[in-house]
Amino acid sequence: MKALVHVTLKQQVLDPQGKAIARACASLGYEAVTSVRQGKLFEVRLDAADEVAARNLANELCEKLLANTVIEDYEVVRLDP
């Protein structure tokens, strides 16, 4: 099973890379871009018995390895067989 995990900085954490991207968008003429928050996307292949087990394993991986839960939020956005 494949899990897609999206990790982003928590809203209250400053995102200097996102701010730099937003400034670059403005300098390129993309005035409609008002803000950017950067993040990470992980594609993880799992050997799990079912979707519940896969989601539990993906969440455990996020808590222990993929996300720094002090400053980052995560979401398992999709599970594919």
PDB file of N, CA and C in Angstrom:
ATOM      1  N   MET A   1       0.853  -1.167   0.000  1.00  0.00           N
ATOM      2  CA  MET A   1       0.000   0.000   0.000  1.00  0.00           C
ATOM      3  C   MET A   1       0.901   1.232   0.000  1.00  0.00           C
ATOM      4  N   LYS A   2       0.464   2.296  -0.677  1.00  0.00           N
ATOM      5  CA  LYS A   2       1.235   3.529  -0.733  1.00  0.00           C
ATOM      6  C   LYS A   2       0.523   4.601   0.074  1.00  0.00           C
ATOM      7  N   ALA A   3       1.272   5.268   0.942  1.00  0.00           N
ATOM      8  CA  ALA A   3       0.741   6.387   1.717  1.00  0.00           C
ATOM      9  C   ALA A   3       1.411   7.670   1.248  1.00  0.00           C
ATOM     10  N   LEU A   4       0.631   8.720   1.077  1.00  0.00           N
ATOM     11  CA  LEU A   4       1.164  10.048   0.820  1.00  0.00           C
ATOM     12  C   LEU A   4       0.991  10.862   2.096  1.00  0.00           C
ATOM     13  N   VAL A   5       2.095  11.413   2.585  1.00  0.00           N
ATOM     14  CA  VAL A   5       2.097  12.161   3.832  1.00  0.00           C
ATOM     15  C   VAL A   5       2.552  13.583   3.546  1.00  0.00           C
ATOM     16  N   HIS A   6       1.762  14.556   3.973  1.00  0.00           N
ATOM     17  CA  HIS A   6       2.076  15.958   3.783  1.00  0.00           C
ATOM     18  C   HIS A   6       2.481  16.544   5.135  1.00  0.00           C
ATOM     19  N   VAL A   7       3.681  17.122   5.210  1.00  0.00           N
ATOM     20  CA  VAL A   7       4.189  17.714   6.443  1.00  0.00           C
ATOM     21  C   VAL A   7       4.384  19.211   6.199  1.00  0.00           C
ATOM     22  N   THR A   8       3.833  20.036   7.078  1.00  0.00           N
ATOM     23  CA  THR A   8       3.973  21.487   6.963  1.00  0.00           C
ATOM     24  C   THR A   8       4.321  22.079   8.325  1.00  0.00           C
ATOM     25  N   LEU A   9       4.903  23.272   8.275  1.00  0.00           N
ATOM     26  CA  LEU A   9       5.158  23.983   9.519  1.00  0.00           C
ATOM     27  C   LEU A   9       3.833  24.383  10.146  1.00  0.00           C
ATOM     28  N   LYS A  10       3.766  24.362  11.470  1.00  0.00           N
ATOM     29  CA  LYS A  10       2.567  24.818  12.159  1.00  0.00           C
ATOM     30  C   LYS A  10       2.344  26.292  11.835  1.00  0.00           C
ATOM     31  N   GLN A  11       1.082  26.716  11.853  1.00  0.00           N
ATOM     32  CA  GLN A  11       0.730  28.083  11.468  1.00  0.00           C
ATOM     33  C   GLN A  11       1.497  29.131  12.264  1.00  0.00           C
ATOM     34  N   GLN A  12       1.747  28.884  13.549  1.00  0.00           N
ATOM     35  CA  GLN A  12       2.396  29.883  14.388  1.00  0.00           C
ATOM     36  C   GLN A  12       3.916  29.921  14.199  1.00  0.00           C
ATOM     37  N   VAL A  13       4.477  28.993  13.423  1.00  0.00           N
ATOM     38  CA  VAL A  13       5.924  28.942  13.179  1.00  0.00           C
ATOM     39  C   VAL A  13       6.239  29.756  11.928  1.00  0.00           C
ATOM     40  N   LEU A  14       7.240  30.638  12.048  1.00  0.00           N
ATOM     41  CA  LEU A  14       7.656  31.440  10.899  1.00  0.00           C
ATOM     42  C   LEU A  14       8.185  30.533   9.792  1.00  0.00           C
ATOM     43  N   ASP A  15       7.919  30.920   8.552  1.00  0.00           N
ATOM     44  CA  ASP A  15       8.329  30.131   7.388  1.00  0.00           C
ATOM     45  C   ASP A  15       9.153  31.021   6.446  1.00  0.00           C
ATOM     46  N   PRO A  16      10.449  31.193   6.729  1.00  0.00           N
ATOM     47  CA  PRO A  16      11.261  32.082   5.894  1.00  0.00           C
ATOM     48  C   PRO A  16      11.366  31.612   4.438  1.00  0.00           C
ATOM     49  N   GLN A  17      11.389  30.320   4.215  1.00  0.00           N
ATOM     50  CA  GLN A  17      11.450  29.827   2.835  1.00  0.00           C
ATOM     51  C   GLN A  17      10.152  30.166   2.094  1.00  0.00           C
ATOM     52  N   GLY A  18       9.026  30.011   2.741  1.00  0.00           N
ATOM     53  CA  GLY A  18       7.748  30.380   2.137  1.00  0.00           C
ATOM     54  C   GLY A  18       7.691  31.867   1.820  1.00  0.00           C
ATOM     55  N   LYS A  19       8.199  32.698   2.745  1.00  0.00           N
ATOM     56  CA  LYS A  19       8.227  34.149   2.503  1.00  0.00           C
ATOM     57  C   LYS A  19       9.111  34.482   1.310  1.00  0.00           C
ATOM     58  N   ALA A  20      10.264  33.814   1.193  1.00  0.00           N
ATOM     59  CA  ALA A  20      11.166  34.053   0.064  1.00  0.00           C
ATOM     60  C   ALA A  20      10.494  33.657  -1.254  1.00  0.00           C
ATOM     61  N   ILE A  21       9.764  32.561  -1.248  1.00  0.00           N
ATOM     62  CA  ILE A  21       9.051  32.125  -2.454  1.00  0.00           C
ATOM     63  C   ILE A  21       7.972  33.139  -2.811  1.00  0.00           C
ATOM     64  N   ALA A  22       7.248  33.630  -1.816  1.00  0.00           N
ATOM     65  CA  ALA A  22       6.201  34.627  -2.070  1.00  0.00           C
ATOM     66  C   ALA A  22       6.800  35.898  -2.658  1.00  0.00           C
ATOM     67  N   ARG A  23       7.951  36.350  -2.113  1.00  0.00           N
ATOM     68  CA  ARG A  23       8.614  37.534  -2.670  1.00  0.00           C
ATOM     69  C   ARG A  23       9.063  37.292  -4.101  1.00  0.00           C
ATOM     70  N   ALA A  24       9.581  36.089  -4.386  1.00  0.00           N
ATOM     71  CA  ALA A  24      10.008  35.754  -5.744  1.00  0.00           C
ATOM     72  C   ALA A  24       8.821  35.757  -6.696  1.00  0.00           C
ATOM     73  N   CYS A  25       7.688  35.254  -6.249  1.00  0.00           N
ATOM     74  CA  CYS A  25       6.481  35.277  -7.084  1.00  0.00           C
ATOM     75  C   CYS A  25       6.112  36.712  -7.436  1.00  0.00           C
ATOM     76  N   ALA A  26       6.145  37.596  -6.436  1.00  0.00           N
ATOM     77  CA  ALA A  26       5.812  39.004  -6.679  1.00  0.00           C
ATOM     78  C   ALA A  26       6.797  39.634  -7.656  1.00  0.00           C
ATOM     79  N   SER A  27       8.088  39.331  -7.505  1.00  0.00           N
ATOM     80  CA  SER A  27       9.087  39.926  -8.401  1.00  0.00           C
ATOM     81  C   SER A  27       8.957  39.390  -9.824  1.00  0.00           C
ATOM     82  N   LEU A  28       8.355  38.228  -9.988  1.00  0.00           N
ATOM     83  CA  LEU A  28       8.119  37.670 -11.319  1.00  0.00           C
ATOM     84  C   LEU A  28       6.777  38.119 -11.911  1.00  0.00           C
ATOM     85  N   GLY A  29       6.065  38.947 -11.152  1.00  0.00           N
ATOM     86  CA  GLY A  29       4.816  39.488 -11.669  1.00  0.00           C
ATOM     87  C   GLY A  29       3.564  38.732 -11.257  1.00  0.00           C
ATOM     88  N   TYR A  30       3.697  37.756 -10.393  1.00  0.00           N
ATOM     89  CA  TYR A  30       2.537  36.994  -9.928  1.00  0.00           C
ATOM     90  C   TYR A  30       1.935  37.672  -8.702  1.00  0.00           C
ATOM     91  N   GLU A  31       1.278  38.801  -8.932  1.00  0.00           N
ATOM     92  CA  GLU A  31       0.718  39.602  -7.839  1.00  0.00           C
ATOM     93  C   GLU A  31      -0.436  38.888  -7.137  1.00  0.00           C
ATOM     94  N   ALA A  32      -1.053  37.915  -7.768  1.00  0.00           N
ATOM     95  CA  ALA A  32      -2.169  37.195  -7.156  1.00  0.00           C
ATOM     96  C   ALA A  32      -1.707  36.278  -6.022  1.00  0.00           C
ATOM     97  N   VAL A  33      -0.419  35.944  -5.977  1.00  0.00           N
ATOM     98  CA  VAL A  33       0.119  35.102  -4.895  1.00  0.00           C
ATOM     99  C   VAL A  33       0.312  35.997  -3.680  1.00  0.00           C
ATOM    100  N   THR A  34      -0.462  35.761  -2.628  1.00  0.00           N
ATOM    101  CA  THR A  34      -0.396  36.614  -1.444  1.00  0.00           C
ATOM    102  C   THR A  34       0.434  36.021  -0.317  1.00  0.00           C
ATOM    103  N   SER A  35       0.569  34.706  -0.277  1.00  0.00           N
ATOM    104  CA  SER A  35       1.436  34.073   0.720  1.00  0.00           C
ATOM    105  C   SER A  35       1.736  32.645   0.284  1.00  0.00           C
ATOM    106  N   VAL A  36       2.832  32.121   0.816  1.00  0.00           N
ATOM    107  CA  VAL A  36       3.254  30.748   0.517  1.00  0.00           C
ATOM    108  C   VAL A  36       3.721  30.108   1.814  1.00  0.00           C
ATOM    109  N   ARG A  37       3.331  28.863   2.039  1.00  0.00           N
ATOM    110  CA  ARG A  37       3.862  28.043   3.137  1.00  0.00           C
ATOM    111  C   ARG A  37       4.472  26.816   2.482  1.00  0.00           C
ATOM    112  N   GLN A  38       5.718  26.557   2.756  1.00  0.00           N
ATOM    113  CA  GLN A  38       6.378  25.404   2.158  1.00  0.00           C
ATOM    114  C   GLN A  38       6.205  24.185   3.052  1.00  0.00           C
ATOM    115  N   GLY A  39       6.381  23.021   2.459  1.00  0.00           N
ATOM    116  CA  GLY A  39       6.252  21.779   3.213  1.00  0.00           C
ATOM    117  C   GLY A  39       6.984  20.649   2.527  1.00  0.00           C
ATOM    118  N   LYS A  40       6.713  19.445   2.983  1.00  0.00           N
ATOM    119  CA  LYS A  40       7.339  18.245   2.435  1.00  0.00           C
ATOM    120  C   LYS A  40       6.247  17.230   2.107  1.00  0.00           C
ATOM    121  N   LEU A  41       6.468  16.473   1.057  1.00  0.00           N
ATOM    122  CA  LEU A  41       5.556  15.397   0.690  1.00  0.00           C
ATOM    123  C   LEU A  41       6.349  14.100   0.676  1.00  0.00           C
ATOM    124  N   PHE A  42       5.890  13.115   1.429  1.00  0.00           N
ATOM    125  CA  PHE A  42       6.531  11.802   1.473  1.00  0.00           C
ATOM    126  C   PHE A  42       5.623  10.783   0.814  1.00  0.00           C
ATOM    127  N   GLU A  43       6.194   9.943  -0.010  1.00  0.00           N
ATOM    128  CA  GLU A  43       5.492   8.797  -0.582  1.00  0.00           C
ATOM    129  C   GLU A  43       6.128   7.567   0.051  1.00  0.00           C
ATOM    130  N   VAL A  44       5.335   6.836   0.821  1.00  0.00           N
ATOM    131  CA  VAL A  44       5.858   5.713   1.592  1.00  0.00           C
ATOM    132  C   VAL A  44       5.131   4.438   1.187  1.00  0.00           C
ATOM    133  N   ARG A  45       5.858   3.416   0.782  1.00  0.00           N
ATOM    134  CA  ARG A  45       5.274   2.099   0.494  1.00  0.00           C
ATOM    135  C   ARG A  45       5.234   1.300   1.787  1.00  0.00           C
ATOM    136  N   LEU A  46       4.073   0.746   2.073  1.00  0.00           N
ATOM    137  CA  LEU A  46       3.858   0.000   3.315  1.00  0.00           C
ATOM    138  C   LEU A  46       3.357  -1.401   3.012  1.00  0.00           C
ATOM    139  N   ASP A  47       3.817  -2.362   3.779  1.00  0.00           N
ATOM    140  CA  ASP A  47       3.293  -3.725   3.712  1.00  0.00           C
ATOM    141  C   ASP A  47       2.355  -3.881   4.900  1.00  0.00           C
ATOM    142  N   ALA A  48       1.076  -3.587   4.669  1.00  0.00           N
ATOM    143  CA  ALA A  48       0.093  -3.618   5.749  1.00  0.00           C
ATOM    144  C   ALA A  48      -1.089  -4.484   5.346  1.00  0.00           C
ATOM    145  N   ALA A  49      -1.731  -5.068   6.353  1.00  0.00           N
ATOM    146  CA  ALA A  49      -2.836  -5.991   6.111  1.00  0.00           C
ATOM    147  C   ALA A  49      -4.070  -5.304   5.530  1.00  0.00           C
ATOM    148  N   ASP A  50      -4.324  -4.058   5.957  1.00  0.00           N
ATOM    149  CA  ASP A  50      -5.508  -3.339   5.479  1.00  0.00           C
ATOM    150  C   ASP A  50      -5.275  -1.840   5.622  1.00  0.00           C
ATOM    151  N   GLU A  51      -6.270  -1.068   5.232  1.00  0.00           N
ATOM    152  CA  GLU A  51      -6.129   0.390   5.243  1.00  0.00           C
ATOM    153  C   GLU A  51      -5.951   0.948   6.653  1.00  0.00           C
ATOM    154  N   VAL A  52      -6.643   0.388   7.607  1.00  0.00           N
ATOM    155  CA  VAL A  52      -6.522   0.854   8.993  1.00  0.00           C
ATOM    156  C   VAL A  52      -5.100   0.635   9.497  1.00  0.00           C
ATOM    157  N   ALA A  53      -4.544  -0.542   9.250  1.00  0.00           N
ATOM    158  CA  ALA A  53      -3.175  -0.837   9.680  1.00  0.00           C
ATOM    159  C   ALA A  53      -2.175   0.078   8.965  1.00  0.00           C
ATOM    160  N   ALA A  54      -2.410   0.327   7.686  1.00  0.00           N
ATOM    161  CA  ALA A  54      -1.517   1.204   6.920  1.00  0.00           C
ATOM    162  C   ALA A  54      -1.560   2.627   7.467  1.00  0.00           C
ATOM    163  N   ARG A  55      -2.761   3.125   7.746  1.00  0.00           N
ATOM    164  CA  ARG A  55      -2.887   4.491   8.282  1.00  0.00           C
ATOM    165  C   ARG A  55      -2.236   4.587   9.655  1.00  0.00           C
ATOM    166  N   ASN A  56      -2.429   3.581  10.496  1.00  0.00           N
ATOM    167  CA  ASN A  56      -1.796   3.575  11.816  1.00  0.00           C
ATOM    168  C   ASN A  56      -0.280   3.585  11.702  1.00  0.00           C
ATOM    169  N   LEU A  57       0.258   2.779  10.784  1.00  0.00           N
ATOM    170  CA  LEU A  57       1.706   2.723  10.579  1.00  0.00           C
ATOM    171  C   LEU A  57       2.226   4.059  10.053  1.00  0.00           C
ATOM    172  N   ALA A  58       1.524   4.659   9.091  1.00  0.00           N
ATOM    173  CA  ALA A  58       1.929   5.956   8.547  1.00  0.00           C
ATOM    174  C   ALA A  58       1.925   7.027   9.631  1.00  0.00           C
ATOM    175  N   ASN A  59       0.903   7.044  10.472  1.00  0.00           N
ATOM    176  CA  ASN A  59       0.849   8.014  11.570  1.00  0.00           C
ATOM    177  C   ASN A  59       1.996   7.806  12.557  1.00  0.00           C
ATOM    178  N   GLU A  60       2.302   6.555  12.853  1.00  0.00           N
ATOM    179  CA  GLU A  60       3.413   6.257  13.761  1.00  0.00           C
ATOM    180  C   GLU A  60       4.741   6.729  13.172  1.00  0.00           C
ATOM    181  N   LEU A  61       4.935   6.504  11.870  1.00  0.00           N
ATOM    182  CA  LEU A  61       6.149   6.982  11.209  1.00  0.00           C
ATOM    183  C   LEU A  61       6.261   8.503  11.292  1.00  0.00           C
ATOM    184  N   CYS A  62       5.146   9.180  11.107  1.00  0.00           N
ATOM    185  CA  CYS A  62       5.156  10.641  11.189  1.00  0.00           C
ATOM    186  C   CYS A  62       5.539  11.107  12.582  1.00  0.00           C
ATOM    187  N   GLU A  63       4.937  10.508  13.585  1.00  0.00           N
ATOM    188  CA  GLU A  63       5.207  10.895  14.968  1.00  0.00           C
ATOM    189  C   GLU A  63       6.667  10.667  15.362  1.00  0.00           C
ATOM    190  N   LYS A  64       7.261   9.599  14.862  1.00  0.00           N
ATOM    191  CA  LYS A  64       8.607   9.216  15.292  1.00  0.00           C
ATOM    192  C   LYS A  64       9.730   9.655  14.358  1.00  0.00           C
ATOM    193  N   LEU A  65       9.418   9.915  13.074  1.00  0.00           N
ATOM    194  CA  LEU A  65      10.498  10.119  12.120  1.00  0.00           C
ATOM    195  C   LEU A  65      10.256  11.233  11.104  1.00  0.00           C
ATOM    196  N   LEU A  66       9.125  11.235  10.442  1.00  0.00           N
ATOM    197  CA  LEU A  66       8.936  12.109   9.291  1.00  0.00           C
ATOM    198  C   LEU A  66       8.649  13.563   9.657  1.00  0.00           C
ATOM    199  N   ALA A  67       8.055  13.807  10.800  1.00  0.00           N
ATOM    200  CA  ALA A  67       7.693  15.166  11.200  1.00  0.00           C
ATOM    201  C   ALA A  67       8.285  15.492  12.566  1.00  0.00           C
ATOM    202  N   ASN A  68       8.712  16.730  12.704  1.00  0.00           N
ATOM    203  CA  ASN A  68       9.097  17.249  14.009  1.00  0.00           C
ATOM    204  C   ASN A  68       7.828  17.863  14.589  1.00  0.00           C
ATOM    205  N   THR A  69       7.126  17.110  15.405  1.00  0.00           N
ATOM    206  CA  THR A  69       5.788  17.506  15.842  1.00  0.00           C
ATOM    207  C   THR A  69       5.779  18.720  16.769  1.00  0.00           C
ATOM    208  N   VAL A  70       6.944  19.187  17.186  1.00  0.00           N
ATOM    209  CA  VAL A  70       7.008  20.425  17.962  1.00  0.00           C
ATOM    210  C   VAL A  70       6.693  21.618  17.059  1.00  0.00           C
ATOM    211  N   ILE A  71       7.193  21.585  15.824  1.00  0.00           N
ATOM    212  CA  ILE A  71       7.015  22.721  14.915  1.00  0.00           C
ATOM    213  C   ILE A  71       6.267  22.372  13.630  1.00  0.00           C
ATOM    214  N   GLU A  72       5.962  21.092  13.419  1.00  0.00           N
ATOM    215  CA  GLU A  72       5.322  20.685  12.174  1.00  0.00           C
ATOM    216  C   GLU A  72       4.022  19.918  12.437  1.00  0.00           C
ATOM    217  N   ASP A  73       3.088  20.090  11.508  1.00  0.00           N
ATOM    218  CA  ASP A  73       1.871  19.281  11.457  1.00  0.00           C
ATOM    219  C   ASP A  73       2.032  18.288  10.322  1.00  0.00           C
ATOM    220  N   TYR A  74       1.303  17.192  10.398  1.00  0.00           N
ATOM    221  CA  TYR A  74       1.334  16.227   9.297  1.00  0.00           C
ATOM    222  C   TYR A  74      -0.073  15.717   9.046  1.00  0.00           C
ATOM    223  N   GLU A  75      -0.235  15.205   7.836  1.00  0.00           N
ATOM    224  CA  GLU A  75      -1.513  14.605   7.469  1.00  0.00           C
ATOM    225  C   GLU A  75      -1.236  13.483   6.470  1.00  0.00           C
ATOM    226  N   VAL A  76      -1.812  12.323   6.726  1.00  0.00           N
ATOM    227  CA  VAL A  76      -1.778  11.249   5.735  1.00  0.00           C
ATOM    228  C   VAL A  76      -2.890  11.583   4.765  1.00  0.00           C
ATOM    229  N   VAL A  77      -2.492  12.079   3.578  1.00  0.00           N
ATOM    230  CA  VAL A  77      -3.491  12.628   2.665  1.00  0.00           C
ATOM    231  C   VAL A  77      -4.119  11.587   1.757  1.00  0.00           C
ATOM    232  N   ARG A  78      -3.435  10.468   1.561  1.00  0.00           N
ATOM    233  CA  ARG A  78      -4.019   9.434   0.677  1.00  0.00           C
ATOM    234  C   ARG A  78      -3.365   8.094   0.944  1.00  0.00           C
ATOM    235  N   LEU A  79      -4.160   7.052   0.833  1.00  0.00           N
ATOM    236  CA  LEU A  79      -3.680   5.673   0.849  1.00  0.00           C
ATOM    237  C   LEU A  79      -4.145   5.003  -0.420  1.00  0.00           C
ATOM    238  N   ASP A  80      -3.225   4.426  -1.169  1.00  0.00           N
ATOM    239  CA  ASP A  80      -3.545   3.684  -2.395  1.00  0.00           C
ATOM    240  C   ASP A  80      -3.108   2.250  -2.221  1.00  0.00           C
ATOM    241  N   PRO A  81      -3.901   1.322  -2.749  1.00  0.00           N
ATOM    242  CA  PRO A  81      -3.519  -0.097  -2.663  1.00  0.00           C
ATOM    243  C   PRO A  81      -2.232  -0.383  -3.439  1.00  0.00           C
TER     244      PRO A  81
END
